[in-house]
Amino acid sequence: MSSAEMSAAGHLDELQLQRLDEMYIVIDENDCILGAETKKNCHLRKNINKGLMHRGFSVLIFNMNDELLVQQRSDAKYTFPGGCPQRL
């Protein structure tokens, strides 16, 4: 990570910085595997705008009263801090 990127990611702890190097499976719109890329590169806006996609998951938890548990993302997360991604 460059010094400019390190500065921009100043809110990240050492473990989060290490996790940016984790490899993600890159897919096309039909979930066919195209290869792999780092977490960091998968979440760069310029790559997202080019159509770079990776596998992900969500969990919805309902109780017996049909209430939904909603968890807010940490403000310290590298990707989408304090909230969740919005689909356009």
C-alpha atoms as a PDB file:
ATOM      1  CA  MET A   1       0.000   0.000   0.000  1.00  0.00           C
ATOM      2  CA  SER A   2       1.384   3.397  -0.939  1.00  0.00           C
ATOM      3  CA  SER A   3       2.002   6.120   1.642  1.00  0.00           C
ATOM      4  CA  ALA A   4      -0.977   8.100   0.274  1.00  0.00           C
ATOM      5  CA  GLU A   5      -3.200   5.049   0.644  1.00  0.00           C
ATOM      6  CA  MET A   6      -1.859   4.422   4.146  1.00  0.00           C
ATOM      7  CA  SER A   7      -2.697   7.997   5.061  1.00  0.00           C
ATOM      8  CA  ALA A   8      -6.219   7.680   3.646  1.00  0.00           C
ATOM      9  CA  ALA A   9      -6.653   4.413   5.540  1.00  0.00           C
ATOM     10  CA  GLY A  10      -5.403   5.917   8.806  1.00  0.00           C
ATOM     11  CA  HIS A  11      -8.463   4.714  10.705  1.00  0.00           C
ATOM     12  CA  LEU A  12      -7.569   1.072  10.023  1.00  0.00           C
ATOM     13  CA  ASP A  13      -5.778  -1.111  12.523  1.00  0.00           C
ATOM     14  CA  GLU A  14      -2.989  -3.521  11.577  1.00  0.00           C
ATOM     15  CA  LEU A  15      -5.343  -6.504  11.204  1.00  0.00           C
ATOM     16  CA  GLN A  16      -7.630  -4.591   8.841  1.00  0.00           C
ATOM     17  CA  LEU A  17      -4.639  -3.501   6.761  1.00  0.00           C
ATOM     18  CA  GLN A  18      -3.485  -7.125   6.512  1.00  0.00           C
ATOM     19  CA  ARG A  19      -6.960  -8.231   5.428  1.00  0.00           C
ATOM     20  CA  LEU A  20      -6.846  -5.862   2.456  1.00  0.00           C
ATOM     21  CA  ASP A  21      -4.366  -8.328   0.928  1.00  0.00           C
ATOM     22  CA  GLU A  22      -6.805 -11.284   1.209  1.00  0.00           C
ATOM     23  CA  MET A  23      -7.746 -12.771  -2.139  1.00  0.00           C
ATOM     24  CA  TYR A  24     -11.363 -12.707  -3.341  1.00  0.00           C
ATOM     25  CA  ILE A  25     -12.897 -14.793  -6.111  1.00  0.00           C
ATOM     26  CA  VAL A  26     -13.675 -12.523  -9.076  1.00  0.00           C
ATOM     27  CA  ILE A  27     -16.795 -13.452 -11.044  1.00  0.00           C
ATOM     28  CA  ASP A  28     -18.859 -12.328 -14.015  1.00  0.00           C
ATOM     29  CA  GLU A  29     -22.594 -11.551 -13.975  1.00  0.00           C
ATOM     30  CA  ASN A  30     -23.356 -15.309 -14.257  1.00  0.00           C
ATOM     31  CA  ASP A  31     -21.178 -16.213 -11.237  1.00  0.00           C
ATOM     32  CA  CYS A  32     -18.543 -17.794 -13.492  1.00  0.00           C
ATOM     33  CA  ILE A  33     -15.098 -17.541 -11.913  1.00  0.00           C
ATOM     34  CA  LEU A  34     -12.759 -15.218 -13.791  1.00  0.00           C
ATOM     35  CA  GLY A  35      -9.856 -15.282 -11.348  1.00  0.00           C
ATOM     36  CA  ALA A  36      -8.894 -13.661  -8.074  1.00  0.00           C
ATOM     37  CA  GLU A  37      -8.037 -10.197  -6.816  1.00  0.00           C
ATOM     38  CA  THR A  38      -7.193  -8.614  -3.482  1.00  0.00           C
ATOM     39  CA  LYS A  39      -9.930  -7.309  -1.213  1.00  0.00           C
ATOM     40  CA  LYS A  40      -8.493  -3.826  -1.624  1.00  0.00           C
ATOM     41  CA  ASN A  41      -8.595  -3.930  -5.426  1.00  0.00           C
ATOM     42  CA  CYS A  42     -12.106  -5.388  -5.408  1.00  0.00           C
ATOM     43  CA  HIS A  43     -13.353  -2.406  -3.420  1.00  0.00           C
ATOM     44  CA  LEU A  44     -11.642   0.428  -5.272  1.00  0.00           C
ATOM     45  CA  ARG A  45     -14.331   2.622  -6.863  1.00  0.00           C
ATOM     46  CA  LYS A  46     -12.475   2.681 -10.208  1.00  0.00           C
ATOM     47  CA  ASN A  47     -12.561  -1.134 -10.372  1.00  0.00           C
ATOM     48  CA  ILE A  48     -16.204  -1.336  -9.293  1.00  0.00           C
ATOM     49  CA  ASN A  49     -17.049   1.162 -12.043  1.00  0.00           C
ATOM     50  CA  LYS A  50     -15.262  -1.110 -14.538  1.00  0.00           C
ATOM     51  CA  GLY A  51     -17.546  -3.983 -13.483  1.00  0.00           C
ATOM     52  CA  LEU A  52     -15.185  -5.915 -11.217  1.00  0.00           C
ATOM     53  CA  MET A  53     -17.368  -8.185  -9.081  1.00  0.00           C
ATOM     54  CA  HIS A  54     -16.641 -10.651  -6.305  1.00  0.00           C
ATOM     55  CA  ARG A  55     -18.714 -13.093  -4.328  1.00  0.00           C
ATOM     56  CA  GLY A  56     -20.323 -11.840  -1.153  1.00  0.00           C
ATOM     57  CA  PHE A  57     -23.085 -12.778   1.220  1.00  0.00           C
ATOM     58  CA  SER A  58     -25.682 -11.292   3.519  1.00  0.00           C
ATOM     59  CA  VAL A  59     -27.527 -12.718   6.488  1.00  0.00           C
ATOM     60  CA  LEU A  60     -31.074 -11.782   7.474  1.00  0.00           C
ATOM     61  CA  ILE A  61     -32.190 -12.805  10.960  1.00  0.00           C
ATOM     62  CA  PHE A  62     -35.879 -12.807  11.867  1.00  0.00           C
ATOM     63  CA  ASN A  63     -37.337 -13.847  15.208  1.00  0.00           C
ATOM     64  CA  MET A  64     -40.690 -15.519  15.896  1.00  0.00           C
ATOM     65  CA  ASN A  65     -42.374 -12.071  15.920  1.00  0.00           C
ATOM     66  CA  ASP A  66     -41.202 -11.349  12.344  1.00  0.00           C
ATOM     67  CA  GLU A  67     -38.786  -8.729  13.657  1.00  0.00           C
ATOM     68  CA  LEU A  68     -35.585  -8.232  11.694  1.00  0.00           C
ATOM     69  CA  LEU A  69     -32.196  -7.812  13.354  1.00  0.00           C
ATOM     70  CA  VAL A  70     -30.311  -4.938  11.702  1.00  0.00           C
ATOM     71  CA  GLN A  71     -26.614  -4.504  12.386  1.00  0.00           C
ATOM     72  CA  GLN A  72     -24.799  -1.289  11.537  1.00  0.00           C
ATOM     73  CA  ARG A  73     -21.290  -1.602  10.116  1.00  0.00           C
ATOM     74  CA  SER A  74     -18.438  -0.261  12.162  1.00  0.00           C
ATOM     75  CA  ASP A  75     -17.200   3.238  11.338  1.00  0.00           C
ATOM     76  CA  ALA A  76     -13.699   1.714  11.275  1.00  0.00           C
ATOM     77  CA  LYS A  77     -14.389  -0.572   8.281  1.00  0.00           C
ATOM     78  CA  TYR A  78     -12.399   0.048   5.094  1.00  0.00           C
ATOM     79  CA  THR A  79     -15.360  -0.624   2.834  1.00  0.00           C
ATOM     80  CA  PHE A  80     -18.654   1.170   3.450  1.00  0.00           C
ATOM     81  CA  PRO A  81     -17.900   2.364   7.015  1.00  0.00           C
ATOM     82  CA  GLY A  82     -20.943   3.061   9.182  1.00  0.00           C
ATOM     83  CA  GLY A  83     -23.474   1.675   6.793  1.00  0.00           C
ATOM     84  CA  CYS A  84     -23.980  -0.754   3.996  1.00  0.00           C
ATOM     85  CA  PRO A  85     -23.522  -0.565   0.230  1.00  0.00           C
ATOM     86  CA  GLN A  86     -26.447   0.738  -1.763  1.00  0.00           C
ATOM     87  CA  ARG A  87     -27.309  -0.753  -5.115  1.00  0.00           C
ATOM     88  CA  LEU A  88     -27.847   1.673  -7.943  1.00  0.00           C
END
